[in-house]
Amino acid sequence: PLTLRIHVLDDGRRGAMRDMAREEGVGYLTRP
């Protein structure tokens, strides 16, 4: 048993990338 979490670290702050992460059920992180 393992807690596995996948995160897309998007320095491009793109809406399309956020949508892809949501559709795949993974985390999405960005910064200002």
PDB file of all heavy atoms in Angstrom:
ATOM      1  N   PRO A   1       0.841  -1.211   0.000  1.00  0.00           N
ATOM      2  CA  PRO A   1       0.000   0.000   0.000  1.00  0.00           C
ATOM      3  C   PRO A   1       0.869   1.252   0.000  1.00  0.00           C
ATOM      4  O   PRO A   1       1.875   1.333   0.708  1.00  0.00           O
ATOM      5  CB  PRO A   1      -0.814  -0.132   1.294  1.00  0.00           C
ATOM      6  CG  PRO A   1      -0.828  -1.607   1.573  1.00  0.00           C
ATOM      7  CD  PRO A   1       0.490  -2.134   1.098  1.00  0.00           C
ATOM      8  N   LEU A   2       0.472   2.227  -0.805  1.00  0.00           N
ATOM      9  CA  LEU A   2       1.308   3.403  -1.019  1.00  0.00           C
ATOM     10  C   LEU A   2       0.413   4.595  -1.333  1.00  0.00           C
ATOM     11  O   LEU A   2      -0.547   4.472  -2.095  1.00  0.00           O
ATOM     12  CB  LEU A   2       2.264   3.145  -2.186  1.00  0.00           C
ATOM     13  CG  LEU A   2       3.234   4.258  -2.587  1.00  0.00           C
ATOM     14  CD1 LEU A   2       4.422   4.277  -1.640  1.00  0.00           C
ATOM     15  CD2 LEU A   2       3.726   4.037  -4.015  1.00  0.00           C
ATOM     16  N   THR A   3       0.710   5.737  -0.741  1.00  0.00           N
ATOM     17  CA  THR A   3       0.005   6.959  -1.103  1.00  0.00           C
ATOM     18  C   THR A   3       0.794   7.640  -2.211  1.00  0.00           C
ATOM     19  O   THR A   3       1.866   8.214  -1.964  1.00  0.00           O
ATOM     20  CB  THR A   3      -0.131   7.898   0.102  1.00  0.00           C
ATOM     21  OG1 THR A   3      -0.850   7.233   1.143  1.00  0.00           O
ATOM     22  CG2 THR A   3      -0.869   9.166  -0.290  1.00  0.00           C
ATOM     23  N   LEU A   4       0.307   7.535  -3.432  1.00  0.00           N
ATOM     24  CA  LEU A   4       0.994   8.088  -4.598  1.00  0.00           C
ATOM     25  C   LEU A   4       0.214   9.299  -5.109  1.00  0.00           C
ATOM     26  O   LEU A   4      -0.971   9.185  -5.444  1.00  0.00           O
ATOM     27  CB  LEU A   4       1.103   7.037  -5.705  1.00  0.00           C
ATOM     28  CG  LEU A   4       1.775   7.497  -7.002  1.00  0.00           C
ATOM     29  CD1 LEU A   4       3.250   7.808  -6.767  1.00  0.00           C
ATOM     30  CD2 LEU A   4       1.620   6.445  -8.094  1.00  0.00           C
ATOM     31  N   ARG A   5       0.879  10.434  -5.148  1.00  0.00           N
ATOM     32  CA  ARG A   5       0.236  11.657  -5.636  1.00  0.00           C
ATOM     33  C   ARG A   5       1.076  12.268  -6.746  1.00  0.00           C
ATOM     34  O   ARG A   5       2.295  12.445  -6.589  1.00  0.00           O
ATOM     35  CB  ARG A   5       0.045  12.654  -4.486  1.00  0.00           C
ATOM     36  CG  ARG A   5      -1.003  12.195  -3.474  1.00  0.00           C
ATOM     37  CD  ARG A   5      -0.998  13.027  -2.222  1.00  0.00           C
ATOM     38  NE  ARG A   5       0.231  12.862  -1.462  1.00  0.00           N
ATOM     39  CZ  ARG A   5       0.364  13.186  -0.180  1.00  0.00           C
ATOM     40  NH1 ARG A   5      -0.657  13.712   0.477  1.00  0.00           N
ATOM     41  NH2 ARG A   5       1.503  13.018   0.450  1.00  0.00           N
ATOM     42  N   ILE A   6       0.408  12.570  -7.846  1.00  0.00           N
ATOM     43  CA  ILE A   6       1.072  13.120  -9.032  1.00  0.00           C
ATOM     44  C   ILE A   6       0.702  14.590  -9.139  1.00  0.00           C
ATOM     45  O   ILE A   6      -0.475  14.951  -9.011  1.00  0.00           O
ATOM     46  CB  ILE A   6       0.642  12.347 -10.291  1.00  0.00           C
ATOM     47  CG1 ILE A   6       0.996  10.858 -10.136  1.00  0.00           C
ATOM     48  CG2 ILE A   6       1.298  12.935 -11.540  1.00  0.00           C
ATOM     49  CD1 ILE A   6       0.282   9.961 -11.112  1.00  0.00           C
ATOM     50  N   HIS A   7       1.700  15.435  -9.385  1.00  0.00           N
ATOM     51  CA  HIS A   7       1.462  16.875  -9.451  1.00  0.00           C
ATOM     52  C   HIS A   7       2.101  17.434 -10.713  1.00  0.00           C
ATOM     53  O   HIS A   7       3.296  17.212 -10.967  1.00  0.00           O
ATOM     54  CB  HIS A   7       2.069  17.581  -8.233  1.00  0.00           C
ATOM     55  CG  HIS A   7       1.663  16.991  -6.915  1.00  0.00           C
ATOM     56  ND1 HIS A   7       0.522  17.376  -6.246  1.00  0.00           N
ATOM     57  CD2 HIS A   7       2.250  16.030  -6.154  1.00  0.00           C
ATOM     58  CE1 HIS A   7       0.434  16.691  -5.117  1.00  0.00           C
ATOM     59  NE2 HIS A   7       1.465  15.865  -5.039  1.00  0.00           N
ATOM     60  N   VAL A   8       1.332  18.167 -11.475  1.00  0.00           N
ATOM     61  CA  VAL A   8       1.865  18.923 -12.603  1.00  0.00           C
ATOM     62  C   VAL A   8       2.289  20.291 -12.077  1.00  0.00           C
ATOM     63  O   VAL A   8       1.452  21.048 -11.567  1.00  0.00           O
ATOM     64  CB  VAL A   8       0.821  19.070 -13.730  1.00  0.00           C
ATOM     65  CG1 VAL A   8       1.361  19.952 -14.854  1.00  0.00           C
ATOM     66  CG2 VAL A   8       0.419  17.701 -14.268  1.00  0.00           C
ATOM     67  N   LEU A   9       3.570  20.587 -12.162  1.00  0.00           N
ATOM     68  CA  LEU A   9       4.096  21.875 -11.699  1.00  0.00           C
ATOM     69  C   LEU A   9       4.229  22.783 -12.924  1.00  0.00           C
ATOM     70  O   LEU A   9       5.206  22.704 -13.674  1.00  0.00           O
ATOM     71  CB  LEU A   9       5.458  21.692 -11.021  1.00  0.00           C
ATOM     72  CG  LEU A   9       5.564  20.600  -9.941  1.00  0.00           C
ATOM     73  CD1 LEU A   9       6.953  20.617  -9.307  1.00  0.00           C
ATOM     74  CD2 LEU A   9       4.495  20.778  -8.877  1.00  0.00           C
ATOM     75  N   ASP A  10       3.258  23.633 -13.113  1.00  0.00           N
ATOM     76  CA  ASP A  10       3.156  24.407 -14.354  1.00  0.00           C
ATOM     77  C   ASP A  10       3.630  25.842 -14.158  1.00  0.00           C
ATOM     78  O   ASP A  10       2.892  26.686 -13.635  1.00  0.00           O
ATOM     79  CB  ASP A  10       1.709  24.381 -14.851  1.00  0.00           C
ATOM     80  CG  ASP A  10       1.539  25.130 -16.167  1.00  0.00           C
ATOM     81  OD1 ASP A  10       2.548  25.302 -16.877  1.00  0.00           O
ATOM     82  OD2 ASP A  10       0.406  25.543 -16.473  1.00  0.00           O
ATOM     83  N   ASP A  11       4.847  26.127 -14.610  1.00  0.00           N
ATOM     84  CA  ASP A  11       5.351  27.496 -14.557  1.00  0.00           C
ATOM     85  C   ASP A  11       4.816  28.342 -15.716  1.00  0.00           C
ATOM     86  O   ASP A  11       5.128  29.532 -15.793  1.00  0.00           O
ATOM     87  CB  ASP A  11       6.882  27.506 -14.584  1.00  0.00           C
ATOM     88  CG  ASP A  11       7.470  27.779 -13.209  1.00  0.00           C
ATOM     89  OD1 ASP A  11       6.695  27.938 -12.249  1.00  0.00           O
ATOM     90  OD2 ASP A  11       8.708  27.832 -13.087  1.00  0.00           O
ATOM     91  N   GLY A  12       4.042  27.725 -16.586  1.00  0.00           N
ATOM     92  CA  GLY A  12       3.430  28.474 -17.684  1.00  0.00           C
ATOM     93  C   GLY A  12       2.056  29.017 -17.344  1.00  0.00           C
ATOM     94  O   GLY A  12       1.487  29.818 -18.098  1.00  0.00           O
ATOM     95  N   ARG A  13       1.501  28.534 -16.190  1.00  0.00           N
ATOM     96  CA  ARG A  13       0.198  29.018 -15.715  1.00  0.00           C
ATOM     97  C   ARG A  13      -0.857  28.975 -16.828  1.00  0.00           C
ATOM     98  O   ARG A  13      -1.515  29.973 -17.142  1.00  0.00           O
ATOM     99  CB  ARG A  13       0.330  30.442 -15.139  1.00  0.00           C
ATOM    100  CG  ARG A  13       1.204  30.497 -13.904  1.00  0.00           C
ATOM    101  CD  ARG A  13       1.430  31.900 -13.396  1.00  0.00           C
ATOM    102  NE  ARG A  13       2.377  32.631 -14.230  1.00  0.00           N
ATOM    103  CZ  ARG A  13       3.710  32.501 -14.158  1.00  0.00           C
ATOM    104  NH1 ARG A  13       4.248  31.667 -13.287  1.00  0.00           N
ATOM    105  NH2 ARG A  13       4.514  33.202 -14.935  1.00  0.00           N
ATOM    106  N   ARG A  14      -1.024  27.789 -17.406  1.00  0.00           N
ATOM    107  CA  ARG A  14      -1.911  27.641 -18.567  1.00  0.00           C
ATOM    108  C   ARG A  14      -3.225  26.982 -18.170  1.00  0.00           C
ATOM    109  O   ARG A  14      -3.232  25.952 -17.486  1.00  0.00           O
ATOM    110  CB  ARG A  14      -1.214  26.808 -19.655  1.00  0.00           C
ATOM    111  CG  ARG A  14      -0.026  27.530 -20.296  1.00  0.00           C
ATOM    112  CD  ARG A  14       0.873  26.563 -21.039  1.00  0.00           C
ATOM    113  NE  ARG A  14       1.644  25.722 -20.129  1.00  0.00           N
ATOM    114  CZ  ARG A  14       2.436  24.726 -20.531  1.00  0.00           C
ATOM    115  NH1 ARG A  14       2.534  24.444 -21.815  1.00  0.00           N
ATOM    116  NH2 ARG A  14       3.107  24.012 -19.646  1.00  0.00           N
ATOM    117  N   GLY A  15      -4.299  27.546 -18.644  1.00  0.00           N
ATOM    118  CA  GLY A  15      -5.607  26.967 -18.362  1.00  0.00           C
ATOM    119  C   GLY A  15      -5.757  25.583 -18.954  1.00  0.00           C
ATOM    120  O   GLY A  15      -6.366  24.685 -18.343  1.00  0.00           O
ATOM    121  N   ALA A  16      -5.212  25.366 -20.149  1.00  0.00           N
ATOM    122  CA  ALA A  16      -5.321  24.053 -20.788  1.00  0.00           C
ATOM    123  C   ALA A  16      -4.586  22.983 -19.975  1.00  0.00           C
ATOM    124  O   ALA A  16      -5.053  21.834 -19.874  1.00  0.00           O
ATOM    125  CB  ALA A  16      -4.758  24.117 -22.211  1.00  0.00           C
ATOM    126  N   MET A  17      -3.462  23.357 -19.374  1.00  0.00           N
ATOM    127  CA  MET A  17      -2.721  22.392 -18.560  1.00  0.00           C
ATOM    128  C   MET A  17      -3.491  22.092 -17.276  1.00  0.00           C
ATOM    129  O   MET A  17      -3.545  20.942 -16.817  1.00  0.00           O
ATOM    130  CB  MET A  17      -1.336  22.952 -18.228  1.00  0.00           C
ATOM    131  CG  MET A  17      -0.389  21.932 -17.612  1.00  0.00           C
ATOM    132  SD  MET A  17       0.094  20.619 -18.771  1.00  0.00           S
ATOM    133  CE  MET A  17       1.245  21.522 -19.820  1.00  0.00           C
ATOM    134  N   ARG A  18      -4.102  23.113 -16.690  1.00  0.00           N
ATOM    135  CA  ARG A  18      -4.923  22.895 -15.500  1.00  0.00           C
ATOM    136  C   ARG A  18      -6.082  21.958 -15.813  1.00  0.00           C
ATOM    137  O   ARG A  18      -6.401  21.048 -15.035  1.00  0.00           O
ATOM    138  CB  ARG A  18      -5.454  24.239 -14.992  1.00  0.00           C
ATOM    139  CG  ARG A  18      -6.281  24.143 -13.698  1.00  0.00           C
ATOM    140  CD  ARG A  18      -6.954  25.469 -13.393  1.00  0.00           C
ATOM    141  NE  ARG A  18      -5.991  26.531 -13.187  1.00  0.00           N
ATOM    142  CZ  ARG A  18      -5.433  26.809 -12.012  1.00  0.00           C
ATOM    143  NH1 ARG A  18      -5.780  26.110 -10.938  1.00  0.00           N
ATOM    144  NH2 ARG A  18      -4.576  27.801 -11.905  1.00  0.00           N
ATOM    145  N   ASP A  19      -6.708  22.164 -16.970  1.00  0.00           N
ATOM    146  CA  ASP A  19      -7.842  21.318 -17.359  1.00  0.00           C
ATOM    147  C   ASP A  19      -7.391  19.875 -17.569  1.00  0.00           C
ATOM    148  O   ASP A  19      -8.095  18.934 -17.174  1.00  0.00           O
ATOM    149  CB  ASP A  19      -8.475  21.856 -18.645  1.00  0.00           C
ATOM    150  CG  ASP A  19      -9.146  23.208 -18.439  1.00  0.00           C
ATOM    151  OD1 ASP A  19      -9.424  23.560 -17.275  1.00  0.00           O
ATOM    152  OD2 ASP A  19      -9.377  23.921 -19.447  1.00  0.00           O
ATOM    153  N   MET A  20      -6.224  19.700 -18.190  1.00  0.00           N
ATOM    154  CA  MET A  20      -5.715  18.342 -18.404  1.00  0.00           C
ATOM    155  C   MET A  20      -5.476  17.641 -17.067  1.00  0.00           C
ATOM    156  O   MET A  20      -5.844  16.470 -16.889  1.00  0.00           O
ATOM    157  CB  MET A  20      -4.424  18.395 -19.224  1.00  0.00           C
ATOM    158  CG  MET A  20      -3.824  17.017 -19.560  1.00  0.00           C
ATOM    159  SD  MET A  20      -2.794  16.310 -18.236  1.00  0.00           S
ATOM    160  CE  MET A  20      -1.412  17.472 -18.235  1.00  0.00           C
ATOM    161  N   ALA A  21      -4.865  18.349 -16.110  1.00  0.00           N
ATOM    162  CA  ALA A  21      -4.599  17.754 -14.802  1.00  0.00           C
ATOM    163  C   ALA A  21      -5.900  17.365 -14.107  1.00  0.00           C
ATOM    164  O   ALA A  21      -5.998  16.289 -13.489  1.00  0.00           O
ATOM    165  CB  ALA A  21      -3.798  18.733 -13.943  1.00  0.00           C
ATOM    166  N   ARG A  22      -6.920  18.229 -14.231  1.00  0.00           N
ATOM    167  CA  ARG A  22      -8.214  17.924 -13.619  1.00  0.00           C
ATOM    168  C   ARG A  22      -8.825  16.682 -14.269  1.00  0.00           C
ATOM    169  O   ARG A  22      -9.349  15.796 -13.576  1.00  0.00           O
ATOM    170  CB  ARG A  22      -9.148  19.119 -13.760  1.00  0.00           C
ATOM    171  CG  ARG A  22     -10.494  18.916 -13.044  1.00  0.00           C
ATOM    172  CD  ARG A  22     -11.449  20.056 -13.298  1.00  0.00           C
ATOM    173  NE  ARG A  22     -10.902  21.354 -12.868  1.00  0.00           N
ATOM    174  CZ  ARG A  22     -10.569  22.323 -13.696  1.00  0.00           C
ATOM    175  NH1 ARG A  22     -10.737  22.171 -15.005  1.00  0.00           N
ATOM    176  NH2 ARG A  22     -10.085  23.460 -13.234  1.00  0.00           N
ATOM    177  N   GLU A  23      -8.767  16.597 -15.593  1.00  0.00           N
ATOM    178  CA  GLU A  23      -9.347  15.447 -16.296  1.00  0.00           C
ATOM    179  C   GLU A  23      -8.627  14.147 -15.940  1.00  0.00           C
ATOM    180  O   GLU A  23      -9.249  13.082 -15.879  1.00  0.00           O
ATOM    181  CB  GLU A  23      -9.268  15.681 -17.802  1.00  0.00           C
ATOM    182  CG  GLU A  23     -10.183  16.793 -18.304  1.00  0.00           C
ATOM    183  CD  GLU A  23      -9.923  17.133 -19.761  1.00  0.00           C
ATOM    184  OE1 GLU A  23      -9.074  16.438 -20.389  1.00  0.00           O
ATOM    185  OE2 GLU A  23     -10.544  18.081 -20.274  1.00  0.00           O
ATOM    186  N   GLU A  24      -7.310  14.246 -15.714  1.00  0.00           N
ATOM    187  CA  GLU A  24      -6.542  13.039 -15.375  1.00  0.00           C
ATOM    188  C   GLU A  24      -6.610  12.711 -13.887  1.00  0.00           C
ATOM    189  O   GLU A  24      -6.107  11.664 -13.459  1.00  0.00           O
ATOM    190  CB  GLU A  24      -5.072  13.217 -15.792  1.00  0.00           C
ATOM    191  CG  GLU A  24      -4.853  13.321 -17.294  1.00  0.00           C
ATOM    192  CD  GLU A  24      -5.168  12.025 -18.020  1.00  0.00           C
ATOM    193  OE1 GLU A  24      -5.142  10.955 -17.350  1.00  0.00           O
ATOM    194  OE2 GLU A  24      -5.434  12.061 -19.227  1.00  0.00           O
ATOM    195  N   GLY A  25      -7.178  13.606 -13.095  1.00  0.00           N
ATOM    196  CA  GLY A  25      -7.315  13.359 -11.668  1.00  0.00           C
ATOM    197  C   GLY A  25      -6.017  13.497 -10.898  1.00  0.00           C
ATOM    198  O   GLY A  25      -5.801  12.793  -9.897  1.00  0.00           O
ATOM    199  N   VAL A  26      -5.151  14.409 -11.336  1.00  0.00           N
ATOM    200  CA  VAL A  26      -3.886  14.621 -10.640  1.00  0.00           C
ATOM    201  C   VAL A  26      -3.815  16.065 -10.159  1.00  0.00           C
ATOM    202  O   VAL A  26      -4.615  16.916 -10.552  1.00  0.00           O
ATOM    203  CB  VAL A  26      -2.682  14.300 -11.558  1.00  0.00           C
ATOM    204  CG1 VAL A  26      -2.739  12.858 -12.026  1.00  0.00           C
ATOM    205  CG2 VAL A  26      -2.623  15.250 -12.752  1.00  0.00           C
ATOM    206  N   GLY A  27      -2.833  16.359  -9.305  1.00  0.00           N
ATOM    207  CA  GLY A  27      -2.692  17.695  -8.758  1.00  0.00           C
ATOM    208  C   GLY A  27      -2.123  18.682  -9.767  1.00  0.00           C
ATOM    209  O   GLY A  27      -1.419  18.301 -10.715  1.00  0.00           O
ATOM    210  N   TYR A  28      -2.436  19.938  -9.551  1.00  0.00           N
ATOM    211  CA  TYR A  28      -1.925  21.015 -10.411  1.00  0.00           C
ATOM    212  C   TYR A  28      -1.432  22.130  -9.503  1.00  0.00           C
ATOM    213  O   TYR A  28      -2.191  22.640  -8.661  1.00  0.00           O
ATOM    214  CB  TYR A  28      -3.017  21.524 -11.341  1.00  0.00           C
ATOM    215  CG  TYR A  28      -2.593  22.701 -12.203  1.00  0.00           C
ATOM    216  CD1 TYR A  28      -1.949  22.507 -13.414  1.00  0.00           C
ATOM    217  CD2 TYR A  28      -2.848  24.015 -11.795  1.00  0.00           C
ATOM    218  CE1 TYR A  28      -1.554  23.577 -14.203  1.00  0.00           C
ATOM    219  CE2 TYR A  28      -2.454  25.093 -12.572  1.00  0.00           C
ATOM    220  CZ  TYR A  28      -1.806  24.871 -13.779  1.00  0.00           C
ATOM    221  OH  TYR A  28      -1.415  25.933 -14.555  1.00  0.00           O
ATOM    222  N   LEU A  29      -0.156  22.490  -9.648  1.00  0.00           N
ATOM    223  CA  LEU A  29       0.440  23.535  -8.826  1.00  0.00           C
ATOM    224  C   LEU A  29       1.112  24.574  -9.717  1.00  0.00           C
ATOM    225  O   LEU A  29       1.795  24.220 -10.680  1.00  0.00           O
ATOM    226  CB  LEU A  29       1.487  22.942  -7.867  1.00  0.00           C
ATOM    227  CG  LEU A  29       0.978  21.990  -6.784  1.00  0.00           C
ATOM    228  CD1 LEU A  29       2.146  21.346  -6.050  1.00  0.00           C
ATOM    229  CD2 LEU A  29       0.085  22.732  -5.802  1.00  0.00           C
ATOM    230  N   THR A  30       0.904  25.816  -9.388  1.00  0.00           N
ATOM    231  CA  THR A  30       1.574  26.898 -10.092  1.00  0.00           C
ATOM    232  C   THR A  30       1.945  27.965  -9.074  1.00  0.00           C
ATOM    233  O   THR A  30       1.727  27.806  -7.865  1.00  0.00           O
ATOM    234  CB  THR A  30       0.689  27.461 -11.213  1.00  0.00           C
ATOM    235  OG1 THR A  30       1.445  28.386 -11.992  1.00  0.00           O
ATOM    236  CG2 THR A  30      -0.533  28.154 -10.648  1.00  0.00           C
ATOM    237  N   ARG A  31       2.505  29.074  -9.539  1.00  0.00           N
ATOM    238  CA  ARG A  31       2.938  30.144  -8.641  1.00  0.00           C
ATOM    239  C   ARG A  31       2.877  31.463  -9.399  1.00  0.00           C
ATOM    240  O   ARG A  31       2.808  31.463 -10.650  1.00  0.00           O
ATOM    241  CB  ARG A  31       4.353  29.875  -8.122  1.00  0.00           C
ATOM    242  CG  ARG A  31       5.382  29.624  -9.219  1.00  0.00           C
ATOM    243  CD  ARG A  31       6.661  29.042  -8.681  1.00  0.00           C
ATOM    244  NE  ARG A  31       7.620  28.791  -9.766  1.00  0.00           N
ATOM    245  CZ  ARG A  31       8.887  29.181  -9.757  1.00  0.00           C
ATOM    246  NH1 ARG A  31       9.363  29.856  -8.720  1.00  0.00           N
ATOM    247  NH2 ARG A  31       9.692  28.904 -10.761  1.00  0.00           N
ATOM    248  N   PRO A  32       2.918  32.583  -8.710  1.00  0.00           N
ATOM    249  CA  PRO A  32       2.714  33.861  -9.386  1.00  0.00           C
ATOM    250  C   PRO A  32       3.885  34.322 -10.229  1.00  0.00           C
ATOM    251  O   PRO A  32       3.733  35.188 -11.086  1.00  0.00           O
ATOM    252  CB  PRO A  32       2.460  34.839  -8.234  1.00  0.00           C
ATOM    253  CG  PRO A  32       3.103  34.208  -7.047  1.00  0.00           C
ATOM    254  CD  PRO A  32       2.936  32.733  -7.247  1.00  0.00           C
TER     255      PRO A  32
END
